[in-house]
Amino acid sequence: QPERQITAEIIREKALQYLQDEIPH
């Protein structure tokens, strides 16, 4: 996986962690 893709996924993971259930999808 390119570093850019892993970086984007890390940010999405943190959003999944902190946001309400209906938003992350």
mmCIF file of all heavy atoms, coordinates in Angstrom:
data_MODEL
# 
_entry.id   MODEL 
# 
loop_
_atom_site.group_PDB 
_atom_site.id 
_atom_site.type_symbol 
_atom_site.label_atom_id 
_atom_site.label_alt_id 
_atom_site.label_comp_id 
_atom_site.label_asym_id 
_atom_site.label_entity_id 
_atom_site.label_seq_id 
_atom_site.pdbx_PDB_ins_code 
_atom_site.Cartn_x 
_atom_site.Cartn_y 
_atom_site.Cartn_z 
_atom_site.occupancy 
_atom_site.B_iso_or_equiv 
_atom_site.pdbx_formal_charge 
_atom_site.auth_seq_id 
_atom_site.auth_comp_id 
_atom_site.auth_asym_id 
_atom_site.auth_atom_id 
_atom_site.pdbx_PDB_model_num 
ATOM 1   N N   . GLN A 1 1  ? 0.830   -1.198 0.000  1.00 0.00 ? 1  GLN A N   1 
ATOM 2   C CA  . GLN A 1 1  ? 0.000   0.000  0.000  1.00 0.00 ? 1  GLN A CA  1 
ATOM 3   C C   . GLN A 1 1  ? 0.876   1.264  0.000  1.00 0.00 ? 1  GLN A C   1 
ATOM 4   O O   . GLN A 1 1  ? 1.809   1.364  0.804  1.00 0.00 ? 1  GLN A O   1 
ATOM 5   C CB  . GLN A 1 1  ? -0.911  0.040  1.233  1.00 0.00 ? 1  GLN A CB  1 
ATOM 6   C CG  . GLN A 1 1  ? -1.733  -1.217 1.436  1.00 0.00 ? 1  GLN A CG  1 
ATOM 7   C CD  . GLN A 1 1  ? -2.612  -1.542 0.247  1.00 0.00 ? 1  GLN A CD  1 
ATOM 8   O OE1 . GLN A 1 1  ? -3.427  -0.730 -0.169 1.00 0.00 ? 1  GLN A OE1 1 
ATOM 9   N NE2 . GLN A 1 1  ? -2.446  -2.733 -0.308 1.00 0.00 ? 1  GLN A NE2 1 
ATOM 10  N N   . PRO A 1 2  ? 0.594   2.241  -0.864 1.00 0.00 ? 2  PRO A N   1 
ATOM 11  C CA  . PRO A 1 2  ? 1.361   3.496  -0.860 1.00 0.00 ? 2  PRO A CA  1 
ATOM 12  C C   . PRO A 1 2  ? 1.159   4.256  0.457  1.00 0.00 ? 2  PRO A C   1 
ATOM 13  O O   . PRO A 1 2  ? 0.121   4.124  1.118  1.00 0.00 ? 2  PRO A O   1 
ATOM 14  C CB  . PRO A 1 2  ? 0.754   4.291  -2.031 1.00 0.00 ? 2  PRO A CB  1 
ATOM 15  C CG  . PRO A 1 2  ? -0.004  3.303  -2.845 1.00 0.00 ? 2  PRO A CG  1 
ATOM 16  C CD  . PRO A 1 2  ? -0.435  2.224  -1.902 1.00 0.00 ? 2  PRO A CD  1 
ATOM 17  N N   . GLU A 1 3  ? 2.157   5.052  0.834  1.00 0.00 ? 3  GLU A N   1 
ATOM 18  C CA  . GLU A 1 3  ? 2.070   5.819  2.082  1.00 0.00 ? 3  GLU A CA  1 
ATOM 19  C C   . GLU A 1 3  ? 0.864   6.747  2.091  1.00 0.00 ? 3  GLU A C   1 
ATOM 20  O O   . GLU A 1 3  ? 0.237   6.957  3.136  1.00 0.00 ? 3  GLU A O   1 
ATOM 21  C CB  . GLU A 1 3  ? 3.351   6.630  2.294  1.00 0.00 ? 3  GLU A CB  1 
ATOM 22  C CG  . GLU A 1 3  ? 4.536   5.774  2.716  1.00 0.00 ? 3  GLU A CG  1 
ATOM 23  C CD  . GLU A 1 3  ? 5.801   6.582  2.968  1.00 0.00 ? 3  GLU A CD  1 
ATOM 24  O OE1 . GLU A 1 3  ? 5.850   7.762  2.524  1.00 0.00 ? 3  GLU A OE1 1 
ATOM 25  O OE2 . GLU A 1 3  ? 6.722   6.056  3.614  1.00 0.00 ? 3  GLU A OE2 1 
ATOM 26  N N   . ARG A 1 4  ? 0.532   7.316  0.936  1.00 0.00 ? 4  ARG A N   1 
ATOM 27  C CA  . ARG A 1 4  ? -0.636  8.205  0.865  1.00 0.00 ? 4  ARG A CA  1 
ATOM 28  C C   . ARG A 1 4  ? -1.920  7.462  1.242  1.00 0.00 ? 4  ARG A C   1 
ATOM 29  O O   . ARG A 1 4  ? -2.769  7.989  1.959  1.00 0.00 ? 4  ARG A O   1 
ATOM 30  C CB  . ARG A 1 4  ? -0.787  8.789  -0.546 1.00 0.00 ? 4  ARG A CB  1 
ATOM 31  C CG  . ARG A 1 4  ? 0.104   10.001 -0.807 1.00 0.00 ? 4  ARG A CG  1 
ATOM 32  C CD  . ARG A 1 4  ? -0.066  10.491 -2.224 1.00 0.00 ? 4  ARG A CD  1 
ATOM 33  N NE  . ARG A 1 4  ? 0.666   11.735 -2.440 1.00 0.00 ? 4  ARG A NE  1 
ATOM 34  C CZ  . ARG A 1 4  ? 0.097   12.909 -2.670 1.00 0.00 ? 4  ARG A CZ  1 
ATOM 35  N NH1 . ARG A 1 4  ? -1.219  13.012 -2.731 1.00 0.00 ? 4  ARG A NH1 1 
ATOM 36  N NH2 . ARG A 1 4  ? 0.824   13.993 -2.865 1.00 0.00 ? 4  ARG A NH2 1 
ATOM 37  N N   . GLN A 1 5  ? -2.055  6.246  0.725  1.00 0.00 ? 5  GLN A N   1 
ATOM 38  C CA  . GLN A 1 5  ? -3.263  5.479  1.012  1.00 0.00 ? 5  GLN A CA  1 
ATOM 39  C C   . GLN A 1 5  ? -3.331  5.097  2.488  1.00 0.00 ? 5  GLN A C   1 
ATOM 40  O O   . GLN A 1 5  ? -4.388  5.180  3.115  1.00 0.00 ? 5  GLN A O   1 
ATOM 41  C CB  . GLN A 1 5  ? -3.310  4.225  0.146  1.00 0.00 ? 5  GLN A CB  1 
ATOM 42  C CG  . GLN A 1 5  ? -4.604  3.419  0.327  1.00 0.00 ? 5  GLN A CG  1 
ATOM 43  C CD  . GLN A 1 5  ? -4.714  2.260  -0.644 1.00 0.00 ? 5  GLN A CD  1 
ATOM 44  O OE1 . GLN A 1 5  ? -4.072  2.244  -1.693 1.00 0.00 ? 5  GLN A OE1 1 
ATOM 45  N NE2 . GLN A 1 5  ? -5.520  1.273  -0.302 1.00 0.00 ? 5  GLN A NE2 1 
ATOM 46  N N   . ILE A 1 6  ? -2.208  4.674  3.053  1.00 0.00 ? 6  ILE A N   1 
ATOM 47  C CA  . ILE A 1 6  ? -2.191  4.317  4.476  1.00 0.00 ? 6  ILE A CA  1 
ATOM 48  C C   . ILE A 1 6  ? -2.508  5.544  5.329  1.00 0.00 ? 6  ILE A C   1 
ATOM 49  O O   . ILE A 1 6  ? -3.256  5.459  6.310  1.00 0.00 ? 6  ILE A O   1 
ATOM 50  C CB  . ILE A 1 6  ? -0.821  3.721  4.872  1.00 0.00 ? 6  ILE A CB  1 
ATOM 51  C CG1 . ILE A 1 6  ? -0.549  2.433  4.099  1.00 0.00 ? 6  ILE A CG1 1 
ATOM 52  C CG2 . ILE A 1 6  ? -0.771  3.450  6.369  1.00 0.00 ? 6  ILE A CG2 1 
ATOM 53  C CD1 . ILE A 1 6  ? 0.842   1.859  4.326  1.00 0.00 ? 6  ILE A CD1 1 
ATOM 54  N N   . THR A 1 7  ? -1.964  6.695  4.941  1.00 0.00 ? 7  THR A N   1 
ATOM 55  C CA  . THR A 1 7  ? -2.229  7.938  5.669  1.00 0.00 ? 7  THR A CA  1 
ATOM 56  C C   . THR A 1 7  ? -3.710  8.283  5.649  1.00 0.00 ? 7  THR A C   1 
ATOM 57  O O   . THR A 1 7  ? -4.304  8.640  6.682  1.00 0.00 ? 7  THR A O   1 
ATOM 58  C CB  . THR A 1 7  ? -1.413  9.096  5.057  1.00 0.00 ? 7  THR A CB  1 
ATOM 59  O OG1 . THR A 1 7  ? -0.014  8.796  5.208  1.00 0.00 ? 7  THR A OG1 1 
ATOM 60  C CG2 . THR A 1 7  ? -1.715  10.416 5.749  1.00 0.00 ? 7  THR A CG2 1 
ATOM 61  N N   . ALA A 1 8  ? -4.335  8.173  4.476  1.00 0.00 ? 8  ALA A N   1 
ATOM 62  C CA  . ALA A 1 8  ? -5.773  8.451  4.362  1.00 0.00 ? 8  ALA A CA  1 
ATOM 63  C C   . ALA A 1 8  ? -6.584  7.506  5.241  1.00 0.00 ? 8  ALA A C   1 
ATOM 64  O O   . ALA A 1 8  ? -7.544  7.912  5.911  1.00 0.00 ? 8  ALA A O   1 
ATOM 65  C CB  . ALA A 1 8  ? -6.218  8.340  2.908  1.00 0.00 ? 8  ALA A CB  1 
ATOM 66  N N   . GLU A 1 9  ? -6.171  6.236  5.272  1.00 0.00 ? 9  GLU A N   1 
ATOM 67  C CA  . GLU A 1 9  ? -6.890  5.254  6.079  1.00 0.00 ? 9  GLU A CA  1 
ATOM 68  C C   . GLU A 1 9  ? -6.715  5.514  7.572  1.00 0.00 ? 9  GLU A C   1 
ATOM 69  O O   . GLU A 1 9  ? -7.642  5.307  8.367  1.00 0.00 ? 9  GLU A O   1 
ATOM 70  C CB  . GLU A 1 9  ? -6.412  3.840  5.720  1.00 0.00 ? 9  GLU A CB  1 
ATOM 71  C CG  . GLU A 1 9  ? -6.917  3.337  4.387  1.00 0.00 ? 9  GLU A CG  1 
ATOM 72  C CD  . GLU A 1 9  ? -8.420  3.087  4.409  1.00 0.00 ? 9  GLU A CD  1 
ATOM 73  O OE1 . GLU A 1 9  ? -8.837  1.967  4.771  1.00 0.00 ? 9  GLU A OE1 1 
ATOM 74  O OE2 . GLU A 1 9  ? -9.180  4.018  4.084  1.00 0.00 ? 9  GLU A OE2 1 
ATOM 75  N N   . ILE A 1 10 ? -5.543  5.969  7.976  1.00 0.00 ? 10 ILE A N   1 
ATOM 76  C CA  . ILE A 1 10 ? -5.318  6.312  9.393  1.00 0.00 ? 10 ILE A CA  1 
ATOM 77  C C   . ILE A 1 10 ? -6.289  7.416  9.822  1.00 0.00 ? 10 ILE A C   1 
ATOM 78  O O   . ILE A 1 10 ? -6.900  7.355  10.900 1.00 0.00 ? 10 ILE A O   1 
ATOM 79  C CB  . ILE A 1 10 ? -3.860  6.754  9.625  1.00 0.00 ? 10 ILE A CB  1 
ATOM 80  C CG1 . ILE A 1 10 ? -2.915  5.551  9.545  1.00 0.00 ? 10 ILE A CG1 1 
ATOM 81  C CG2 . ILE A 1 10 ? -3.703  7.459  10.978 1.00 0.00 ? 10 ILE A CG2 1 
ATOM 82  C CD1 . ILE A 1 10 ? -1.439  5.911  9.552  1.00 0.00 ? 10 ILE A CD1 1 
ATOM 83  N N   . ILE A 1 11 ? -6.433  8.412  8.978  1.00 0.00 ? 11 ILE A N   1 
ATOM 84  C CA  . ILE A 1 11 ? -7.337  9.530  9.309  1.00 0.00 ? 11 ILE A CA  1 
ATOM 85  C C   . ILE A 1 11 ? -8.779  9.033  9.383  1.00 0.00 ? 11 ILE A C   1 
ATOM 86  O O   . ILE A 1 11 ? -9.537  9.407  10.292 1.00 0.00 ? 11 ILE A O   1 
ATOM 87  C CB  . ILE A 1 11 ? -7.188  10.654 8.268  1.00 0.00 ? 11 ILE A CB  1 
ATOM 88  C CG1 . ILE A 1 11 ? -5.775  11.266 8.378  1.00 0.00 ? 11 ILE A CG1 1 
ATOM 89  C CG2 . ILE A 1 11 ? -8.243  11.743 8.478  1.00 0.00 ? 11 ILE A CG2 1 
ATOM 90  C CD1 . ILE A 1 11 ? -5.375  12.095 7.198  1.00 0.00 ? 11 ILE A CD1 1 
ATOM 91  N N   . ARG A 1 12 ? -9.147  8.159  8.457  1.00 0.00 ? 12 ARG A N   1 
ATOM 92  C CA  . ARG A 1 12 ? -10.521 7.620  8.480  1.00 0.00 ? 12 ARG A CA  1 
ATOM 93  C C   . ARG A 1 12 ? -10.734 6.764  9.720  1.00 0.00 ? 12 ARG A C   1 
ATOM 94  O O   . ARG A 1 12 ? -11.829 6.772  10.317 1.00 0.00 ? 12 ARG A O   1 
ATOM 95  C CB  . ARG A 1 12 ? -10.799 6.817  7.210  1.00 0.00 ? 12 ARG A CB  1 
ATOM 96  C CG  . ARG A 1 12 ? -12.279 6.465  7.022  1.00 0.00 ? 12 ARG A CG  1 
ATOM 97  C CD  . ARG A 1 12 ? -12.557 5.988  5.610  1.00 0.00 ? 12 ARG A CD  1 
ATOM 98  N NE  . ARG A 1 12 ? -11.894 4.736  5.311  1.00 0.00 ? 12 ARG A NE  1 
ATOM 99  C CZ  . ARG A 1 12 ? -12.405 3.531  5.594  1.00 0.00 ? 12 ARG A CZ  1 
ATOM 100 N NH1 . ARG A 1 12 ? -13.586 3.435  6.189  1.00 0.00 ? 12 ARG A NH1 1 
ATOM 101 N NH2 . ARG A 1 12 ? -11.756 2.440  5.270  1.00 0.00 ? 12 ARG A NH2 1 
ATOM 102 N N   . GLU A 1 13 ? -9.701  6.044  10.149 1.00 0.00 ? 13 GLU A N   1 
ATOM 103 C CA  . GLU A 1 13 ? -9.819  5.235  11.356 1.00 0.00 ? 13 GLU A CA  1 
ATOM 104 C C   . GLU A 1 13 ? -10.124 6.111  12.571 1.00 0.00 ? 13 GLU A C   1 
ATOM 105 O O   . GLU A 1 13 ? -10.980 5.756  13.407 1.00 0.00 ? 13 GLU A O   1 
ATOM 106 C CB  . GLU A 1 13 ? -8.527  4.466  11.600 1.00 0.00 ? 13 GLU A CB  1 
ATOM 107 C CG  . GLU A 1 13 ? -8.557  3.626  12.873 1.00 0.00 ? 13 GLU A CG  1 
ATOM 108 C CD  . GLU A 1 13 ? -7.205  3.022  13.213 1.00 0.00 ? 13 GLU A CD  1 
ATOM 109 O OE1 . GLU A 1 13 ? -6.228  3.784  13.316 1.00 0.00 ? 13 GLU A OE1 1 
ATOM 110 O OE2 . GLU A 1 13 ? -7.137  1.792  13.376 1.00 0.00 ? 13 GLU A OE2 1 
ATOM 111 N N   . LYS A 1 14 ? -9.428  7.247  12.688 1.00 0.00 ? 14 LYS A N   1 
ATOM 112 C CA  . LYS A 1 14 ? -9.662  8.128  13.832 1.00 0.00 ? 14 LYS A CA  1 
ATOM 113 C C   . LYS A 1 14 ? -11.055 8.737  13.779 1.00 0.00 ? 14 LYS A C   1 
ATOM 114 O O   . LYS A 1 14 ? -11.699 8.929  14.816 1.00 0.00 ? 14 LYS A O   1 
ATOM 115 C CB  . LYS A 1 14 ? -8.594  9.225  13.893 1.00 0.00 ? 14 LYS A CB  1 
ATOM 116 C CG  . LYS A 1 14 ? -7.165  8.695  13.943 1.00 0.00 ? 14 LYS A CG  1 
ATOM 117 C CD  . LYS A 1 14 ? -6.968  7.592  14.980 1.00 0.00 ? 14 LYS A CD  1 
ATOM 118 C CE  . LYS A 1 14 ? -5.568  7.013  14.902 1.00 0.00 ? 14 LYS A CE  1 
ATOM 119 N NZ  . LYS A 1 14 ? -5.395  5.832  15.789 1.00 0.00 ? 14 LYS A NZ  1 
ATOM 120 N N   . ALA A 1 15 ? -11.523 9.027  12.573 1.00 0.00 ? 15 ALA A N   1 
ATOM 121 C CA  . ALA A 1 15 ? -12.899 9.525  12.437 1.00 0.00 ? 15 ALA A CA  1 
ATOM 122 C C   . ALA A 1 15 ? -13.897 8.459  12.872 1.00 0.00 ? 15 ALA A C   1 
ATOM 123 O O   . ALA A 1 15 ? -14.881 8.748  13.568 1.00 0.00 ? 15 ALA A O   1 
ATOM 124 C CB  . ALA A 1 15 ? -13.159 9.958  10.993 1.00 0.00 ? 15 ALA A CB  1 
ATOM 125 N N   . LEU A 1 16 ? -13.638 7.203  12.481 1.00 0.00 ? 16 LEU A N   1 
ATOM 126 C CA  . LEU A 1 16 ? -14.501 6.100  12.910 1.00 0.00 ? 16 LEU A CA  1 
ATOM 127 C C   . LEU A 1 16 ? -14.519 5.984  14.424 1.00 0.00 ? 16 LEU A C   1 
ATOM 128 O O   . LEU A 1 16 ? -15.540 5.668  15.044 1.00 0.00 ? 16 LEU A O   1 
ATOM 129 C CB  . LEU A 1 16 ? -13.995 4.780  12.312 1.00 0.00 ? 16 LEU A CB  1 
ATOM 130 C CG  . LEU A 1 16 ? -14.276 4.517  10.835 1.00 0.00 ? 16 LEU A CG  1 
ATOM 131 C CD1 . LEU A 1 16 ? -13.406 3.375  10.327 1.00 0.00 ? 16 LEU A CD1 1 
ATOM 132 C CD2 . LEU A 1 16 ? -15.733 4.194  10.592 1.00 0.00 ? 16 LEU A CD2 1 
ATOM 133 N N   . GLN A 1 17 ? -13.373 6.241  15.017 1.00 0.00 ? 17 GLN A N   1 
ATOM 134 C CA  . GLN A 1 17 ? -13.225 6.088  16.466 1.00 0.00 ? 17 GLN A CA  1 
ATOM 135 C C   . GLN A 1 17 ? -14.028 7.134  17.239 1.00 0.00 ? 17 GLN A C   1 
ATOM 136 O O   . GLN A 1 17 ? -14.634 6.833  18.270 1.00 0.00 ? 17 GLN A O   1 
ATOM 137 C CB  . GLN A 1 17 ? -11.748 6.199  16.829 1.00 0.00 ? 17 GLN A CB  1 
ATOM 138 C CG  . GLN A 1 17 ? -11.437 6.031  18.296 1.00 0.00 ? 17 GLN A CG  1 
ATOM 139 C CD  . GLN A 1 17 ? -9.938  6.116  18.572 1.00 0.00 ? 17 GLN A CD  1 
ATOM 140 O OE1 . GLN A 1 17 ? -9.108  5.921  17.672 1.00 0.00 ? 17 GLN A OE1 1 
ATOM 141 N NE2 . GLN A 1 17 ? -9.583  6.411  19.805 1.00 0.00 ? 17 GLN A NE2 1 
ATOM 142 N N   . TYR A 1 18 ? -14.046 8.371  16.738 1.00 0.00 ? 18 TYR A N   1 
ATOM 143 C CA  . TYR A 1 18 ? -14.609 9.467  17.524 1.00 0.00 ? 18 TYR A CA  1 
ATOM 144 C C   . TYR A 1 18 ? -16.018 9.902  17.122 1.00 0.00 ? 18 TYR A C   1 
ATOM 145 O O   . TYR A 1 18 ? -16.700 10.547 17.912 1.00 0.00 ? 18 TYR A O   1 
ATOM 146 C CB  . TYR A 1 18 ? -13.688 10.689 17.441 1.00 0.00 ? 18 TYR A CB  1 
ATOM 147 C CG  . TYR A 1 18 ? -12.380 10.507 18.161 1.00 0.00 ? 18 TYR A CG  1 
ATOM 148 C CD1 . TYR A 1 18 ? -11.169 10.497 17.459 1.00 0.00 ? 18 TYR A CD1 1 
ATOM 149 C CD2 . TYR A 1 18 ? -12.323 10.328 19.536 1.00 0.00 ? 18 TYR A CD2 1 
ATOM 150 C CE1 . TYR A 1 18 ? -9.957  10.332 18.117 1.00 0.00 ? 18 TYR A CE1 1 
ATOM 151 C CE2 . TYR A 1 18 ? -11.122 10.157 20.200 1.00 0.00 ? 18 TYR A CE2 1 
ATOM 152 C CZ  . TYR A 1 18 ? -9.945  10.165 19.484 1.00 0.00 ? 18 TYR A CZ  1 
ATOM 153 O OH  . TYR A 1 18 ? -8.751  9.990  20.133 1.00 0.00 ? 18 TYR A OH  1 
ATOM 154 N N   . LEU A 1 19 ? -16.455 9.557  15.911 1.00 0.00 ? 19 LEU A N   1 
ATOM 155 C CA  . LEU A 1 19 ? -17.727 10.100 15.424 1.00 0.00 ? 19 LEU A CA  1 
ATOM 156 C C   . LEU A 1 19 ? -18.895 9.159  15.689 1.00 0.00 ? 19 LEU A C   1 
ATOM 157 O O   . LEU A 1 19 ? -18.713 7.962  15.928 1.00 0.00 ? 19 LEU A O   1 
ATOM 158 C CB  . LEU A 1 19 ? -17.641 10.403 13.928 1.00 0.00 ? 19 LEU A CB  1 
ATOM 159 C CG  . LEU A 1 19 ? -16.683 11.534 13.556 1.00 0.00 ? 19 LEU A CG  1 
ATOM 160 C CD1 . LEU A 1 19 ? -16.511 11.601 12.051 1.00 0.00 ? 19 LEU A CD1 1 
ATOM 161 C CD2 . LEU A 1 19 ? -17.183 12.870 14.087 1.00 0.00 ? 19 LEU A CD2 1 
ATOM 162 N N   . GLN A 1 20 ? -20.096 9.713  15.588 1.00 0.00 ? 20 GLN A N   1 
ATOM 163 C CA  . GLN A 1 20 ? -21.313 8.945  15.822 1.00 0.00 ? 20 GLN A CA  1 
ATOM 164 C C   . GLN A 1 20 ? -21.479 7.867  14.747 1.00 0.00 ? 20 GLN A C   1 
ATOM 165 O O   . GLN A 1 20 ? -20.974 7.986  13.635 1.00 0.00 ? 20 GLN A O   1 
ATOM 166 C CB  . GLN A 1 20 ? -22.529 9.880  15.809 1.00 0.00 ? 20 GLN A CB  1 
ATOM 167 C CG  . GLN A 1 20 ? -22.483 10.957 16.888 1.00 0.00 ? 20 GLN A CG  1 
ATOM 168 C CD  . GLN A 1 20 ? -23.588 11.976 16.711 1.00 0.00 ? 20 GLN A CD  1 
ATOM 169 O OE1 . GLN A 1 20 ? -24.531 11.774 15.965 1.00 0.00 ? 20 GLN A OE1 1 
ATOM 170 N NE2 . GLN A 1 20 ? -23.460 13.102 17.399 1.00 0.00 ? 20 GLN A NE2 1 
ATOM 171 N N   . ASP A 1 21 ? -22.244 6.824  15.083 1.00 0.00 ? 21 ASP A N   1 
ATOM 172 C CA  . ASP A 1 21 ? -22.353 5.648  14.217 1.00 0.00 ? 21 ASP A CA  1 
ATOM 173 C C   . ASP A 1 21 ? -22.826 5.956  12.803 1.00 0.00 ? 21 ASP A C   1 
ATOM 174 O O   . ASP A 1 21 ? -22.389 5.322  11.853 1.00 0.00 ? 21 ASP A O   1 
ATOM 175 C CB  . ASP A 1 21 ? -23.305 4.620  14.849 1.00 0.00 ? 21 ASP A CB  1 
ATOM 176 C CG  . ASP A 1 21 ? -22.678 3.949  16.061 1.00 0.00 ? 21 ASP A CG  1 
ATOM 177 O OD1 . ASP A 1 21 ? -21.464 4.109  16.254 1.00 0.00 ? 21 ASP A OD1 1 
ATOM 178 O OD2 . ASP A 1 21 ? -23.410 3.287  16.809 1.00 0.00 ? 21 ASP A OD2 1 
ATOM 179 N N   . GLU A 1 22 ? -23.744 6.905  12.642 1.00 0.00 ? 22 GLU A N   1 
ATOM 180 C CA  . GLU A 1 22 ? -24.334 7.118  11.312 1.00 0.00 ? 22 GLU A CA  1 
ATOM 181 C C   . GLU A 1 22 ? -23.435 7.925  10.385 1.00 0.00 ? 22 GLU A C   1 
ATOM 182 O O   . GLU A 1 22 ? -23.665 7.984  9.183  1.00 0.00 ? 22 GLU A O   1 
ATOM 183 C CB  . GLU A 1 22 ? -25.700 7.827  11.434 1.00 0.00 ? 22 GLU A CB  1 
ATOM 184 C CG  . GLU A 1 22 ? -25.628 9.291  11.863 1.00 0.00 ? 22 GLU A CG  1 
ATOM 185 C CD  . GLU A 1 22 ? -25.644 9.473  13.374 1.00 0.00 ? 22 GLU A CD  1 
ATOM 186 O OE1 . GLU A 1 22 ? -25.405 8.490  14.091 1.00 0.00 ? 22 GLU A OE1 1 
ATOM 187 O OE2 . GLU A 1 22 ? -25.904 10.596 13.816 1.00 0.00 ? 22 GLU A OE2 1 
ATOM 188 N N   . ILE A 1 23 ? -22.388 8.539  10.894 1.00 0.00 ? 23 ILE A N   1 
ATOM 189 C CA  . ILE A 1 23 ? -21.562 9.419  10.071 1.00 0.00 ? 23 ILE A CA  1 
ATOM 190 C C   . ILE A 1 23 ? -20.421 8.693  9.351  1.00 0.00 ? 23 ILE A C   1 
ATOM 191 O O   . ILE A 1 23 ? -20.211 8.915  8.165  1.00 0.00 ? 23 ILE A O   1 
ATOM 192 C CB  . ILE A 1 23 ? -21.003 10.587 10.922 1.00 0.00 ? 23 ILE A CB  1 
ATOM 193 C CG1 . ILE A 1 23 ? -22.163 11.441 11.436 1.00 0.00 ? 23 ILE A CG1 1 
ATOM 194 C CG2 . ILE A 1 23 ? -20.037 11.443 10.110 1.00 0.00 ? 23 ILE A CG2 1 
ATOM 195 C CD1 . ILE A 1 23 ? -21.733 12.558 12.355 1.00 0.00 ? 23 ILE A CD1 1 
ATOM 196 N N   . PRO A 1 24 ? -19.659 7.811  10.021 1.00 0.00 ? 24 PRO A N   1 
ATOM 197 C CA  . PRO A 1 24 ? -18.446 7.273  9.389  1.00 0.00 ? 24 PRO A CA  1 
ATOM 198 C C   . PRO A 1 24 ? -18.639 6.586  8.048  1.00 0.00 ? 24 PRO A C   1 
ATOM 199 O O   . PRO A 1 24 ? -17.762 6.630  7.196  1.00 0.00 ? 24 PRO A O   1 
ATOM 200 C CB  . PRO A 1 24 ? -17.928 6.287  10.442 1.00 0.00 ? 24 PRO A CB  1 
ATOM 201 C CG  . PRO A 1 24 ? -18.410 6.841  11.740 1.00 0.00 ? 24 PRO A CG  1 
ATOM 202 C CD  . PRO A 1 24 ? -19.772 7.390  11.423 1.00 0.00 ? 24 PRO A CD  1 
ATOM 203 N N   . HIS A 1 25 ? -19.778 5.919  7.844  1.00 0.00 ? 25 HIS A N   1 
ATOM 204 C CA  . HIS A 1 25 ? -19.991 5.224  6.569  1.00 0.00 ? 25 HIS A CA  1 
ATOM 205 C C   . HIS A 1 25 ? -20.062 6.203  5.407  1.00 0.00 ? 25 HIS A C   1 
ATOM 206 O O   . HIS A 1 25 ? -19.832 5.824  4.262  1.00 0.00 ? 25 HIS A O   1 
ATOM 207 C CB  . HIS A 1 25 ? -21.268 4.387  6.635  1.00 0.00 ? 25 HIS A CB  1 
ATOM 208 C CG  . HIS A 1 25 ? -21.217 3.319  7.682  1.00 0.00 ? 25 HIS A CG  1 
ATOM 209 N ND1 . HIS A 1 25 ? -20.203 2.385  7.745  1.00 0.00 ? 25 HIS A ND1 1 
ATOM 210 C CD2 . HIS A 1 25 ? -22.040 3.032  8.720  1.00 0.00 ? 25 HIS A CD2 1 
ATOM 211 C CE1 . HIS A 1 25 ? -20.401 1.577  8.774  1.00 0.00 ? 25 HIS A CE1 1 
ATOM 212 N NE2 . HIS A 1 25 ? -21.505 1.955  9.384  1.00 0.00 ? 25 HIS A NE2 1 
# 
